[in-house]
Amino acid sequence: MLSPIATVLLVVLVEWTTSSSSSCDPHLLELCPRCCAMLFSNYDCDIKEVLRLKVNGNGVLGAIWDDAPVAAIVRSGCLLELWDFRNQTGSHRSFGLDGYEIYQFDRYGFESVASSARCTCIK
């Protein structure tokens, strides 16, 4: 049995660790029904700082978004591919089709690295 102080500390710790991604919600994709994925430049998935990738979107992220994405929400049934260089070369990571929808890129060693993208859906 935990002491009351340990219980309070545990509750605060759990709330702190889960609150950082609480605004990253797959339901944000409802704001963009034609989106394959949404890229964010912050871990809170602030809708004010979002790049929307349409279904079968493909290309360079552009000067403002070059090396900026740190998180993404990928629509169920879709695959987001990101590359380190603008011509879809260099380091490469794929997100989606694995049952998850929210991705924090620091967990994959790809934080603030992406320069080009492709997003395709099977549905």
PDB file of N, CA and C in Angstrom:
ATOM      1  N   MET A   1       0.844  -1.183   0.000  1.00  0.00           N
ATOM      2  CA  MET A   1       0.000   0.000   0.000  1.00  0.00           C
ATOM      3  C   MET A   1       0.884   1.240   0.000  1.00  0.00           C
ATOM      4  N   LEU A   2       0.551   2.169  -0.867  1.00  0.00           N
ATOM      5  CA  LEU A   2       1.313   3.407  -0.963  1.00  0.00           C
ATOM      6  C   LEU A   2       0.878   4.394   0.104  1.00  0.00           C
ATOM      7  N   SER A   3       1.825   5.161   0.579  1.00  0.00           N
ATOM      8  CA  SER A   3       1.496   6.219   1.536  1.00  0.00           C
ATOM      9  C   SER A   3       0.734   7.313   0.797  1.00  0.00           C
ATOM     10  N   PRO A   4      -0.006   8.165   1.515  1.00  0.00           N
ATOM     11  CA  PRO A   4      -0.747   9.246   0.855  1.00  0.00           C
ATOM     12  C   PRO A   4       0.163  10.164   0.036  1.00  0.00           C
ATOM     13  N   ILE A   5       1.355  10.431   0.520  1.00  0.00           N
ATOM     14  CA  ILE A   5       2.279  11.295  -0.219  1.00  0.00           C
ATOM     15  C   ILE A   5       2.732  10.605  -1.504  1.00  0.00           C
ATOM     16  N   ALA A   6       3.042   9.324  -1.420  1.00  0.00           N
ATOM     17  CA  ALA A   6       3.456   8.578  -2.605  1.00  0.00           C
ATOM     18  C   ALA A   6       2.320   8.500  -3.620  1.00  0.00           C
ATOM     19  N   THR A   7       1.092   8.342  -3.149  1.00  0.00           N
ATOM     20  CA  THR A   7      -0.066   8.288  -4.033  1.00  0.00           C
ATOM     21  C   THR A   7      -0.239   9.608  -4.774  1.00  0.00           C
ATOM     22  N   VAL A   8      -0.142  10.719  -4.049  1.00  0.00           N
ATOM     23  CA  VAL A   8      -0.277  12.039  -4.674  1.00  0.00           C
ATOM     24  C   VAL A   8       0.842  12.252  -5.688  1.00  0.00           C
ATOM     25  N   LEU A   9       2.052  11.876  -5.320  1.00  0.00           N
ATOM     26  CA  LEU A   9       3.183  12.017  -6.226  1.00  0.00           C
ATOM     27  C   LEU A   9       2.980  11.183  -7.492  1.00  0.00           C
ATOM     28  N   LEU A  10       2.482   9.977  -7.344  1.00  0.00           N
ATOM     29  CA  LEU A  10       2.222   9.106  -8.485  1.00  0.00           C
ATOM     30  C   LEU A  10       1.160   9.706  -9.401  1.00  0.00           C
ATOM     31  N   VAL A  11       0.078  10.227  -8.833  1.00  0.00           N
ATOM     32  CA  VAL A  11      -0.994  10.833  -9.624  1.00  0.00           C
ATOM     33  C   VAL A  11      -0.468  12.043 -10.390  1.00  0.00           C
ATOM     34  N   VAL A  12       0.308  12.892  -9.724  1.00  0.00           N
ATOM     35  CA  VAL A  12       0.867  14.075 -10.383  1.00  0.00           C
ATOM     36  C   VAL A  12       1.800  13.661 -11.515  1.00  0.00           C
ATOM     37  N   LEU A  13       2.618  12.655 -11.278  1.00  0.00           N
ATOM     38  CA  LEU A  13       3.547  12.178 -12.301  1.00  0.00           C
ATOM     39  C   LEU A  13       2.800  11.624 -13.510  1.00  0.00           C
ATOM     40  N   VAL A  14       1.768  10.840 -13.285  1.00  0.00           N
ATOM     41  CA  VAL A  14       0.978  10.279 -14.386  1.00  0.00           C
ATOM     42  C   VAL A  14       0.295  11.392 -15.168  1.00  0.00           C
ATOM     43  N   GLU A  15      -0.301  12.357 -14.481  1.00  0.00           N
ATOM     44  CA  GLU A  15      -0.963  13.465 -15.171  1.00  0.00           C
ATOM     45  C   GLU A  15       0.034  14.278 -15.980  1.00  0.00           C
ATOM     46  N   TRP A  16       1.227  14.502 -15.433  1.00  0.00           N
ATOM     47  CA  TRP A  16       2.236  15.288 -16.133  1.00  0.00           C
ATOM     48  C   TRP A  16       2.718  14.568 -17.387  1.00  0.00           C
ATOM     49  N   THR A  17       2.947  13.270 -17.298  1.00  0.00           N
ATOM     50  CA  THR A  17       3.466  12.538 -18.457  1.00  0.00           C
ATOM     51  C   THR A  17       2.412  12.342 -19.534  1.00  0.00           C
ATOM     52  N   THR A  18       1.156  12.278 -19.175  1.00  0.00           N
ATOM     53  CA  THR A  18       0.114  12.085 -20.187  1.00  0.00           C
ATOM     54  C   THR A  18      -0.423  13.399 -20.721  1.00  0.00           C
ATOM     55  N   SER A  19      -0.282  14.488 -19.983  1.00  0.00           N
ATOM     56  CA  SER A  19      -0.855  15.752 -20.434  1.00  0.00           C
ATOM     57  C   SER A  19      -0.096  16.356 -21.597  1.00  0.00           C
ATOM     58  N   SER A  20       1.182  16.039 -21.759  1.00  0.00           N
ATOM     59  CA  SER A  20       1.966  16.636 -22.838  1.00  0.00           C
ATOM     60  C   SER A  20       1.452  16.223 -24.210  1.00  0.00           C
ATOM     61  N   SER A  21       0.812  15.070 -24.323  1.00  0.00           N
ATOM     62  CA  SER A  21       0.293  14.647 -25.621  1.00  0.00           C
ATOM     63  C   SER A  21      -1.229  14.608 -25.645  1.00  0.00           C
ATOM     64  N   SER A  22      -1.866  15.187 -24.623  1.00  0.00           N
ATOM     65  CA  SER A  22      -3.313  15.086 -24.525  1.00  0.00           C
ATOM     66  C   SER A  22      -4.019  15.819 -25.654  1.00  0.00           C
ATOM     67  N   SER A  23      -3.418  16.884 -26.208  1.00  0.00           N
ATOM     68  CA  SER A  23      -4.084  17.593 -27.290  1.00  0.00           C
ATOM     69  C   SER A  23      -3.797  16.954 -28.649  1.00  0.00           C
ATOM     70  N   CYS A  24      -2.894  15.971 -28.696  1.00  0.00           N
ATOM     71  CA  CYS A  24      -2.672  15.209 -29.929  1.00  0.00           C
ATOM     72  C   CYS A  24      -3.760  14.143 -30.001  1.00  0.00           C
ATOM     73  N   ASP A  25      -4.803  14.467 -30.695  1.00  0.00           N
ATOM     74  CA  ASP A  25      -5.975  13.609 -30.742  1.00  0.00           C
ATOM     75  C   ASP A  25      -6.272  13.257 -32.201  1.00  0.00           C
ATOM     76  N   PRO A  26      -6.423  11.978 -32.513  1.00  0.00           N
ATOM     77  CA  PRO A  26      -6.736  11.598 -33.897  1.00  0.00           C
ATOM     78  C   PRO A  26      -7.990  12.273 -34.436  1.00  0.00           C
ATOM     79  N   HIS A  27      -8.869  12.728 -33.545  1.00  0.00           N
ATOM     80  CA  HIS A  27     -10.088  13.399 -33.996  1.00  0.00           C
ATOM     81  C   HIS A  27      -9.800  14.750 -34.655  1.00  0.00           C
ATOM     82  N   LEU A  28      -8.577  15.268 -34.509  1.00  0.00           N
ATOM     83  CA  LEU A  28      -8.210  16.498 -35.213  1.00  0.00           C
ATOM     84  C   LEU A  28      -8.315  16.309 -36.723  1.00  0.00           C
ATOM     85  N   LEU A  29      -8.184  15.069 -37.195  1.00  0.00           N
ATOM     86  CA  LEU A  29      -8.317  14.803 -38.632  1.00  0.00           C
ATOM     87  C   LEU A  29      -9.726  15.072 -39.135  1.00  0.00           C
ATOM     88  N   GLU A  30     -10.701  15.117 -38.236  1.00  0.00           N
ATOM     89  CA  GLU A  30     -12.066  15.440 -38.645  1.00  0.00           C
ATOM     90  C   GLU A  30     -12.158  16.871 -39.167  1.00  0.00           C
ATOM     91  N   LEU A  31     -11.205  17.727 -38.770  1.00  0.00           N
ATOM     92  CA  LEU A  31     -11.171  19.101 -39.261  1.00  0.00           C
ATOM     93  C   LEU A  31     -10.713  19.171 -40.713  1.00  0.00           C
ATOM     94  N   CYS A  32     -10.158  18.076 -41.200  1.00  0.00           N
ATOM     95  CA  CYS A  32      -9.643  18.029 -42.575  1.00  0.00           C
ATOM     96  C   CYS A  32      -9.979  16.665 -43.186  1.00  0.00           C
ATOM     97  N   PRO A  33     -11.198  16.479 -43.676  1.00  0.00           N
ATOM     98  CA  PRO A  33     -11.619  15.165 -44.173  1.00  0.00           C
ATOM     99  C   PRO A  33     -10.820  14.660 -45.375  1.00  0.00           C
ATOM    100  N   ARG A  34     -10.148  15.542 -46.110  1.00  0.00           N
ATOM    101  CA  ARG A  34      -9.356  15.118 -47.275  1.00  0.00           C
ATOM    102  C   ARG A  34      -7.888  14.918 -46.930  1.00  0.00           C
ATOM    103  N   CYS A  35      -7.557  15.023 -45.643  1.00  0.00           N
ATOM    104  CA  CYS A  35      -6.158  14.882 -45.219  1.00  0.00           C
ATOM    105  C   CYS A  35      -5.769  13.424 -45.023  1.00  0.00           C
ATOM    106  N   CYS A  36      -4.572  13.117 -45.445  1.00  0.00           N
ATOM    107  CA  CYS A  36      -3.943  11.832 -45.182  1.00  0.00           C
ATOM    108  C   CYS A  36      -3.242  11.898 -43.825  1.00  0.00           C
ATOM    109  N   ALA A  37      -2.622  13.054 -43.558  1.00  0.00           N
ATOM    110  CA  ALA A  37      -1.895  13.252 -42.299  1.00  0.00           C
ATOM    111  C   ALA A  37      -1.806  14.741 -42.000  1.00  0.00           C
ATOM    112  N   MET A  38      -1.520  15.034 -40.748  1.00  0.00           N
ATOM    113  CA  MET A  38      -1.272  16.404 -40.314  1.00  0.00           C
ATOM    114  C   MET A  38       0.078  16.414 -39.602  1.00  0.00           C
ATOM    115  N   LEU A  39       0.965  17.323 -40.022  1.00  0.00           N
ATOM    116  CA  LEU A  39       2.270  17.480 -39.392  1.00  0.00           C
ATOM    117  C   LEU A  39       2.231  18.690 -38.469  1.00  0.00           C
ATOM    118  N   PHE A  40       2.891  18.570 -37.331  1.00  0.00           N
ATOM    119  CA  PHE A  40       2.898  19.643 -36.338  1.00  0.00           C
ATOM    120  C   PHE A  40       4.324  20.047 -36.002  1.00  0.00           C
ATOM    121  N   SER A  41       4.515  21.335 -35.743  1.00  0.00           N
ATOM    122  CA  SER A  41       5.839  21.830 -35.362  1.00  0.00           C
ATOM    123  C   SER A  41       5.999  21.906 -33.851  1.00  0.00           C
ATOM    124  N   ASN A  42       5.025  21.377 -33.115  1.00  0.00           N
ATOM    125  CA  ASN A  42       5.123  21.309 -31.652  1.00  0.00           C
ATOM    126  C   ASN A  42       4.504  20.001 -31.178  1.00  0.00           C
ATOM    127  N   TYR A  43       4.898  19.589 -29.991  1.00  0.00           N
ATOM    128  CA  TYR A  43       4.432  18.306 -29.458  1.00  0.00           C
ATOM    129  C   TYR A  43       2.997  18.345 -28.950  1.00  0.00           C
ATOM    130  N   ASP A  44       2.433  19.531 -28.809  1.00  0.00           N
ATOM    131  CA  ASP A  44       1.060  19.650 -28.326  1.00  0.00           C
ATOM    132  C   ASP A  44       0.039  19.516 -29.442  1.00  0.00           C
ATOM    133  N   CYS A  45       0.507  19.356 -30.680  1.00  0.00           N
ATOM    134  CA  CYS A  45      -0.377  19.264 -31.848  1.00  0.00           C
ATOM    135  C   CYS A  45      -1.309  20.468 -31.922  1.00  0.00           C
ATOM    136  N   ASP A  46      -0.722  21.647 -31.748  1.00  0.00           N
ATOM    137  CA  ASP A  46      -1.472  22.901 -31.827  1.00  0.00           C
ATOM    138  C   ASP A  46      -1.961  23.088 -33.258  1.00  0.00           C
ATOM    139  N   ILE A  47      -3.259  23.211 -33.423  1.00  0.00           N
ATOM    140  CA  ILE A  47      -3.879  23.308 -34.743  1.00  0.00           C
ATOM    141  C   ILE A  47      -3.459  24.588 -35.466  1.00  0.00           C
ATOM    142  N   LYS A  48      -2.908  25.560 -34.730  1.00  0.00           N
ATOM    143  CA  LYS A  48      -2.428  26.797 -35.352  1.00  0.00           C
ATOM    144  C   LYS A  48      -1.090  26.591 -36.057  1.00  0.00           C
ATOM    145  N   GLU A  49      -0.406  25.508 -35.734  1.00  0.00           N
ATOM    146  CA  GLU A  49       0.895  25.216 -36.333  1.00  0.00           C
ATOM    147  C   GLU A  49       0.852  23.834 -36.979  1.00  0.00           C
ATOM    148  N   VAL A  50       0.076  23.737 -38.056  1.00  0.00           N
ATOM    149  CA  VAL A  50      -0.142  22.442 -38.697  1.00  0.00           C
ATOM    150  C   VAL A  50       0.084  22.537 -40.207  1.00  0.00           C
ATOM    151  N   LEU A  51       0.645  21.486 -40.769  1.00  0.00           N
ATOM    152  CA  LEU A  51       0.753  21.330 -42.216  1.00  0.00           C
ATOM    153  C   LEU A  51      -0.110  20.133 -42.584  1.00  0.00           C
ATOM    154  N   ARG A  52      -1.118  20.376 -43.406  1.00  0.00           N
ATOM    155  CA  ARG A  52      -2.043  19.318 -43.803  1.00  0.00           C
ATOM    156  C   ARG A  52      -1.551  18.674 -45.100  1.00  0.00           C
ATOM    157  N   LEU A  53      -1.434  17.351 -45.082  1.00  0.00           N
ATOM    158  CA  LEU A  53      -1.041  16.609 -46.282  1.00  0.00           C
ATOM    159  C   LEU A  53      -2.264  15.900 -46.834  1.00  0.00           C
ATOM    160  N   LYS A  54      -2.617  16.214 -48.062  1.00  0.00           N
ATOM    161  CA  LYS A  54      -3.798  15.592 -48.650  1.00  0.00           C
ATOM    162  C   LYS A  54      -3.499  14.140 -49.015  1.00  0.00           C
ATOM    163  N   VAL A  55      -4.551  13.376 -49.237  1.00  0.00           N
ATOM    164  CA  VAL A  55      -4.409  11.985 -49.651  1.00  0.00           C
ATOM    165  C   VAL A  55      -3.607  11.952 -50.948  1.00  0.00           C
ATOM    166  N   ASN A  56      -2.620  11.077 -50.995  1.00  0.00           N
ATOM    167  CA  ASN A  56      -1.690  10.948 -52.116  1.00  0.00           C
ATOM    168  C   ASN A  56      -0.849  12.205 -52.330  1.00  0.00           C
ATOM    169  N   GLY A  57      -0.677  12.988 -51.250  1.00  0.00           N
ATOM    170  CA  GLY A  57       0.202  14.155 -51.304  1.00  0.00           C
ATOM    171  C   GLY A  57       1.649  13.708 -51.406  1.00  0.00           C
ATOM    172  N   ASN A  58       2.448  14.508 -52.115  1.00  0.00           N
ATOM    173  CA  ASN A  58       3.808  14.094 -52.425  1.00  0.00           C
ATOM    174  C   ASN A  58       4.634  15.338 -52.715  1.00  0.00           C
ATOM    175  N   GLY A  59       5.806  15.473 -52.090  1.00  0.00           N
ATOM    176  CA  GLY A  59       6.681  16.573 -52.453  1.00  0.00           C
ATOM    177  C   GLY A  59       7.488  17.147 -51.313  1.00  0.00           C
ATOM    178  N   VAL A  60       8.013  18.341 -51.566  1.00  0.00           N
ATOM    179  CA  VAL A  60       8.870  19.060 -50.630  1.00  0.00           C
ATOM    180  C   VAL A  60       7.991  19.784 -49.613  1.00  0.00           C
ATOM    181  N   LEU A  61       8.423  19.824 -48.361  1.00  0.00           N
ATOM    182  CA  LEU A  61       7.640  20.483 -47.321  1.00  0.00           C
ATOM    183  C   LEU A  61       7.668  22.000 -47.447  1.00  0.00           C
ATOM    184  N   GLY A  62       8.679  22.564 -48.062  1.00  0.00           N
ATOM    185  CA  GLY A  62       8.759  24.010 -48.243  1.00  0.00           C
ATOM    186  C   GLY A  62       9.622  24.667 -47.180  1.00  0.00           C
ATOM    187  N   ALA A  63       9.999  25.917 -47.434  1.00  0.00           N
ATOM    188  CA  ALA A  63      10.951  26.621 -46.573  1.00  0.00           C
ATOM    189  C   ALA A  63      10.469  26.739 -45.131  1.00  0.00           C
ATOM    190  N   ILE A  64       9.213  27.037 -44.926  1.00  0.00           N
ATOM    191  CA  ILE A  64       8.705  27.227 -43.564  1.00  0.00           C
ATOM    192  C   ILE A  64       8.687  25.908 -42.798  1.00  0.00           C
ATOM    193  N   TRP A  65       8.375  24.815 -43.464  1.00  0.00           N
ATOM    194  CA  TRP A  65       8.238  23.524 -42.783  1.00  0.00           C
ATOM    195  C   TRP A  65       9.471  22.634 -42.889  1.00  0.00           C
ATOM    196  N   ASP A  66      10.492  23.071 -43.609  1.00  0.00           N
ATOM    197  CA  ASP A  66      11.718  22.283 -43.733  1.00  0.00           C
ATOM    198  C   ASP A  66      12.349  22.083 -42.356  1.00  0.00           C
ATOM    199  N   ASP A  67      12.549  20.851 -41.969  1.00  0.00           N
ATOM    200  CA  ASP A  67      13.126  20.476 -40.667  1.00  0.00           C
ATOM    201  C   ASP A  67      12.286  20.927 -39.471  1.00  0.00           C
ATOM    202  N   ALA A  68      11.012  21.227 -39.670  1.00  0.00           N
ATOM    203  CA  ALA A  68      10.166  21.714 -38.578  1.00  0.00           C
ATOM    204  C   ALA A  68       9.304  20.645 -37.906  1.00  0.00           C
ATOM    205  N   PRO A  69       8.770  19.646 -38.626  1.00  0.00           N
ATOM    206  CA  PRO A  69       7.831  18.719 -37.982  1.00  0.00           C
ATOM    207  C   PRO A  69       8.452  17.923 -36.834  1.00  0.00           C
ATOM    208  N   VAL A  70       7.701  17.866 -35.732  1.00  0.00           N
ATOM    209  CA  VAL A  70       8.119  17.067 -34.575  1.00  0.00           C
ATOM    210  C   VAL A  70       7.070  16.025 -34.203  1.00  0.00           C
ATOM    211  N   ALA A  71       5.876  16.129 -34.812  1.00  0.00           N
ATOM    212  CA  ALA A  71       4.797  15.188 -34.502  1.00  0.00           C
ATOM    213  C   ALA A  71       3.852  15.099 -35.697  1.00  0.00           C
ATOM    214  N   ALA A  72       3.093  14.011 -35.741  1.00  0.00           N
ATOM    215  CA  ALA A  72       2.112  13.835 -36.811  1.00  0.00           C
ATOM    216  C   ALA A  72       0.929  13.026 -36.311  1.00  0.00           C
ATOM    217  N   ILE A  73      -0.199  13.284 -36.941  1.00  0.00           N
ATOM    218  CA  ILE A  73      -1.373  12.431 -36.789  1.00  0.00           C
ATOM    219  C   ILE A  73      -1.641  11.876 -38.182  1.00  0.00           C
ATOM    220  N   VAL A  74      -1.660  10.563 -38.298  1.00  0.00           N
ATOM    221  CA  VAL A  74      -1.840   9.897 -39.588  1.00  0.00           C
ATOM    222  C   VAL A  74      -3.196   9.195 -39.580  1.00  0.00           C
ATOM    223  N   ARG A  75      -3.971   9.434 -40.626  1.00  0.00           N
ATOM    224  CA  ARG A  75      -5.295   8.813 -40.733  1.00  0.00           C
ATOM    225  C   ARG A  75      -5.162   7.292 -40.772  1.00  0.00           C
ATOM    226  N   SER A  76      -6.076   6.617 -40.118  1.00  0.00           N
ATOM    227  CA  SER A  76      -6.109   5.156 -40.126  1.00  0.00           C
ATOM    228  C   SER A  76      -6.201   4.664 -41.569  1.00  0.00           C
ATOM    229  N   GLY A  77      -5.366   3.705 -41.930  1.00  0.00           N
ATOM    230  CA  GLY A  77      -5.342   3.182 -43.286  1.00  0.00           C
ATOM    231  C   GLY A  77      -4.416   3.940 -44.220  1.00  0.00           C
ATOM    232  N   CYS A  78      -3.653   4.884 -43.669  1.00  0.00           N
ATOM    233  CA  CYS A  78      -2.738   5.687 -44.483  1.00  0.00           C
ATOM    234  C   CYS A  78      -1.299   5.481 -44.034  1.00  0.00           C
ATOM    235  N   LEU A  79      -0.379   5.787 -44.929  1.00  0.00           N
ATOM    236  CA  LEU A  79       1.053   5.667 -44.661  1.00  0.00           C
ATOM    237  C   LEU A  79       1.720   7.000 -44.970  1.00  0.00           C
ATOM    238  N   LEU A  80       2.372   7.571 -43.965  1.00  0.00           N
ATOM    239  CA  LEU A  80       3.142   8.804 -44.110  1.00  0.00           C
ATOM    240  C   LEU A  80       4.615   8.431 -44.191  1.00  0.00           C
ATOM    241  N   GLU A  81       5.276   8.881 -45.251  1.00  0.00           N
ATOM    242  CA  GLU A  81       6.711   8.657 -45.402  1.00  0.00           C
ATOM    243  C   GLU A  81       7.405  10.015 -45.391  1.00  0.00           C
ATOM    244  N   LEU A  82       8.473  10.117 -44.597  1.00  0.00           N
ATOM    245  CA  LEU A  82       9.234  11.358 -44.491  1.00  0.00           C
ATOM    246  C   LEU A  82      10.694  11.089 -44.826  1.00  0.00           C
ATOM    247  N   TRP A  83      11.326  12.061 -45.498  1.00  0.00           N
ATOM    248  CA  TRP A  83      12.738  11.968 -45.846  1.00  0.00           C
ATOM    249  C   TRP A  83      13.493  13.172 -45.297  1.00  0.00           C
ATOM    250  N   ASP A  84      14.772  12.962 -45.082  1.00  0.00           N
ATOM    251  CA  ASP A  84      15.654  14.002 -44.574  1.00  0.00           C
ATOM    252  C   ASP A  84      15.950  15.067 -45.634  1.00  0.00           C
ATOM    253  N   PHE A  85      16.011  14.681 -46.907  1.00  0.00           N
ATOM    254  CA  PHE A  85      16.352  15.625 -47.967  1.00  0.00           C
ATOM    255  C   PHE A  85      15.140  15.945 -48.829  1.00  0.00           C
ATOM    256  N   ARG A  86      15.229  17.054 -49.539  1.00  0.00           N
ATOM    257  CA  ARG A  86      14.092  17.562 -50.310  1.00  0.00           C
ATOM    258  C   ARG A  86      13.679  16.685 -51.486  1.00  0.00           C
ATOM    259  N   ASN A  87      14.569  15.912 -52.021  1.00  0.00           N
ATOM    260  CA  ASN A  87      14.247  15.099 -53.199  1.00  0.00           C
ATOM    261  C   ASN A  87      13.887  13.659 -52.821  1.00  0.00           C
ATOM    262  N   GLN A  88      13.327  13.484 -51.641  1.00  0.00           N
ATOM    263  CA  GLN A  88      12.910  12.181 -51.114  1.00  0.00           C
ATOM    264  C   GLN A  88      14.070  11.192 -51.100  1.00  0.00           C
ATOM    265  N   THR A  89      15.205  11.671 -50.603  1.00  0.00           N
ATOM    266  CA  THR A  89      16.376  10.830 -50.394  1.00  0.00           C
ATOM    267  C   THR A  89      16.899  11.082 -48.984  1.00  0.00           C
ATOM    268  N   GLY A  90      17.922  10.371 -48.614  1.00  0.00           N
ATOM    269  CA  GLY A  90      18.490  10.508 -47.278  1.00  0.00           C
ATOM    270  C   GLY A  90      17.758   9.619 -46.294  1.00  0.00           C
ATOM    271  N   SER A  91      17.913   9.929 -45.023  1.00  0.00           N
ATOM    272  CA  SER A  91      17.234   9.152 -43.980  1.00  0.00           C
ATOM    273  C   SER A  91      15.739   9.139 -44.245  1.00  0.00           C
ATOM    274  N   HIS A  92      15.095   8.034 -43.939  1.00  0.00           N
ATOM    275  CA  HIS A  92      13.685   7.831 -44.275  1.00  0.00           C
ATOM    276  C   HIS A  92      12.974   7.170 -43.107  1.00  0.00           C
ATOM    277  N   ARG A  93      11.776   7.626 -42.805  1.00  0.00           N
ATOM    278  CA  ARG A  93      10.942   6.988 -41.788  1.00  0.00           C
ATOM    279  C   ARG A  93       9.526   6.876 -42.334  1.00  0.00           C
ATOM    280  N   SER A  94       8.846   5.804 -41.944  1.00  0.00           N
ATOM    281  CA  SER A  94       7.454   5.579 -42.334  1.00  0.00           C
ATOM    282  C   SER A  94       6.602   5.498 -41.081  1.00  0.00           C
ATOM    283  N   PHE A  95       5.420   6.108 -41.146  1.00  0.00           N
ATOM    284  CA  PHE A  95       4.499   6.131 -40.018  1.00  0.00           C
ATOM    285  C   PHE A  95       3.106   5.772 -40.514  1.00  0.00           C
ATOM    286  N   GLY A  96       2.411   4.922 -39.786  1.00  0.00           N
ATOM    287  CA  GLY A  96       1.059   4.529 -40.146  1.00  0.00           C
ATOM    288  C   GLY A  96       0.988   3.052 -40.483  1.00  0.00           C
ATOM    289  N   LEU A  97      -0.226   2.580 -40.699  1.00  0.00           N
ATOM    290  CA  LEU A  97      -0.516   1.184 -41.028  1.00  0.00           C
ATOM    291  C   LEU A  97      -0.039   0.214 -39.952  1.00  0.00           C
ATOM    292  N   ASP A  98       0.165   0.713 -38.739  1.00  0.00           N
ATOM    293  CA  ASP A  98       0.608  -0.153 -37.646  1.00  0.00           C
ATOM    294  C   ASP A  98      -0.346  -0.110 -36.453  1.00  0.00           C
ATOM    295  N   GLY A  99      -1.512   0.472 -36.649  1.00  0.00           N
ATOM    296  CA  GLY A  99      -2.484   0.539 -35.570  1.00  0.00           C
ATOM    297  C   GLY A  99      -2.409   1.811 -34.753  1.00  0.00           C
ATOM    298  N   TYR A 100      -1.354   2.593 -34.943  1.00  0.00           N
ATOM    299  CA  TYR A 100      -1.227   3.864 -34.228  1.00  0.00           C
ATOM    300  C   TYR A 100      -1.631   5.004 -35.145  1.00  0.00           C
ATOM    301  N   GLU A 101      -1.982   6.148 -34.570  1.00  0.00           N
ATOM    302  CA  GLU A 101      -2.330   7.324 -35.360  1.00  0.00           C
ATOM    303  C   GLU A 101      -1.509   8.546 -34.975  1.00  0.00           C
ATOM    304  N   ILE A 102      -0.983   8.574 -33.752  1.00  0.00           N
ATOM    305  CA  ILE A 102      -0.223   9.717 -33.253  1.00  0.00           C
ATOM    306  C   ILE A 102       1.240   9.324 -33.146  1.00  0.00           C
ATOM    307  N   TYR A 103       2.107  10.169 -33.709  1.00  0.00           N
ATOM    308  CA  TYR A 103       3.539   9.883 -33.708  1.00  0.00           C
ATOM    309  C   TYR A 103       4.314  11.102 -33.227  1.00  0.00           C
ATOM    310  N   GLN A 104       5.115  10.919 -32.205  1.00  0.00           N
ATOM    311  CA  GLN A 104       6.052  11.933 -31.734  1.00  0.00           C
ATOM    312  C   GLN A 104       7.404  11.538 -32.317  1.00  0.00           C
ATOM    313  N   PHE A 105       7.953  12.346 -33.222  1.00  0.00           N
ATOM    314  CA  PHE A 105       9.130  11.951 -33.998  1.00  0.00           C
ATOM    315  C   PHE A 105      10.390  11.756 -33.169  1.00  0.00           C
ATOM    316  N   ASP A 106      10.480  12.376 -31.991  1.00  0.00           N
ATOM    317  CA  ASP A 106      11.683  12.180 -31.171  1.00  0.00           C
ATOM    318  C   ASP A 106      11.823  10.724 -30.739  1.00  0.00           C
ATOM    319  N   ARG A 107      10.729  10.006 -30.676  1.00  0.00           N
ATOM    320  CA  ARG A 107      10.773   8.581 -30.317  1.00  0.00           C
ATOM    321  C   ARG A 107      11.376   7.723 -31.430  1.00  0.00           C
ATOM    322  N   TYR A 108      11.447   8.286 -32.627  1.00  0.00           N
ATOM    323  CA  TYR A 108      11.953   7.554 -33.785  1.00  0.00           C
ATOM    324  C   TYR A 108      13.257   8.149 -34.312  1.00  0.00           C
ATOM    325  N   GLY A 109      13.845   9.078 -33.566  1.00  0.00           N
ATOM    326  CA  GLY A 109      15.083   9.721 -33.994  1.00  0.00           C
ATOM    327  C   GLY A 109      14.909  10.580 -35.230  1.00  0.00           C
ATOM    328  N   PHE A 110      13.722  11.173 -35.402  1.00  0.00           N
ATOM    329  CA  PHE A 110      13.445  11.939 -36.615  1.00  0.00           C
ATOM    330  C   PHE A 110      12.845  13.303 -36.301  1.00  0.00           C
ATOM    331  N   GLU A 111      13.151  13.838 -35.141  1.00  0.00           N
ATOM    332  CA  GLU A 111      12.622  15.133 -34.717  1.00  0.00           C
ATOM    333  C   GLU A 111      13.302  16.267 -35.486  1.00  0.00           C
ATOM    334  N   SER A 112      12.508  17.167 -36.043  1.00  0.00           N
ATOM    335  CA  SER A 112      12.999  18.350 -36.768  1.00  0.00           C
ATOM    336  C   SER A 112      13.993  17.983 -37.864  1.00  0.00           C
ATOM    337  N   VAL A 113      13.683  16.944 -38.634  1.00  0.00           N
ATOM    338  CA  VAL A 113      14.583  16.464 -39.683  1.00  0.00           C
ATOM    339  C   VAL A 113      13.912  16.467 -41.059  1.00  0.00           C
ATOM    340  N   ALA A 114      12.619  16.241 -41.129  1.00  0.00           N
ATOM    341  CA  ALA A 114      11.931  16.003 -42.405  1.00  0.00           C
ATOM    342  C   ALA A 114      11.974  17.207 -43.341  1.00  0.00           C
ATOM    343  N   SER A 115      12.255  16.912 -44.615  1.00  0.00           N
ATOM    344  CA  SER A 115      12.254  17.939 -45.656  1.00  0.00           C
ATOM    345  C   SER A 115      11.320  17.607 -46.816  1.00  0.00           C
ATOM    346  N   SER A 116      10.987  16.334 -46.987  1.00  0.00           N
ATOM    347  CA  SER A 116      10.045  15.947 -48.035  1.00  0.00           C
ATOM    348  C   SER A 116       9.165  14.814 -47.525  1.00  0.00           C
ATOM    349  N   ALA A 117       8.011  14.661 -48.180  1.00  0.00           N
ATOM    350  CA  ALA A 117       7.018  13.711 -47.673  1.00  0.00           C
ATOM    351  C   ALA A 117       6.222  13.086 -48.807  1.00  0.00           C
ATOM    352  N   ARG A 118       5.623  11.948 -48.472  1.00  0.00           N
ATOM    353  CA  ARG A 118       4.634  11.299 -49.334  1.00  0.00           C
ATOM    354  C   ARG A 118       3.621  10.668 -48.395  1.00  0.00           C
ATOM    355  N   CYS A 119       2.351  10.824 -48.710  1.00  0.00           N
ATOM    356  CA  CYS A 119       1.305  10.242 -47.869  1.00  0.00           C
ATOM    357  C   CYS A 119       0.289   9.551 -48.773  1.00  0.00           C
ATOM    358  N   THR A 120       0.107   8.256 -48.572  1.00  0.00           N
ATOM    359  CA  THR A 120      -0.815   7.472 -49.393  1.00  0.00           C
ATOM    360  C   THR A 120      -1.777   6.710 -48.492  1.00  0.00           C
ATOM    361  N   CYS A 121      -2.973   6.496 -49.002  1.00  0.00           N
ATOM    362  CA  CYS A 121      -3.997   5.776 -48.243  1.00  0.00           C
ATOM    363  C   CYS A 121      -4.476   4.571 -49.045  1.00  0.00           C
ATOM    364  N   ILE A 122      -4.797   3.498 -48.324  1.00  0.00           N
ATOM    365  CA  ILE A 122      -5.265   2.290 -48.996  1.00  0.00           C
ATOM    366  C   ILE A 122      -6.776   2.254 -49.104  1.00  0.00           C
ATOM    367  N   LYS A 123      -7.447   3.176 -48.445  1.00  0.00           N
ATOM    368  CA  LYS A 123      -8.916   3.206 -48.490  1.00  0.00           C
ATOM    369  C   LYS A 123      -9.390   4.133 -49.564  1.00  0.00           C
TER     370      LYS A 123
END
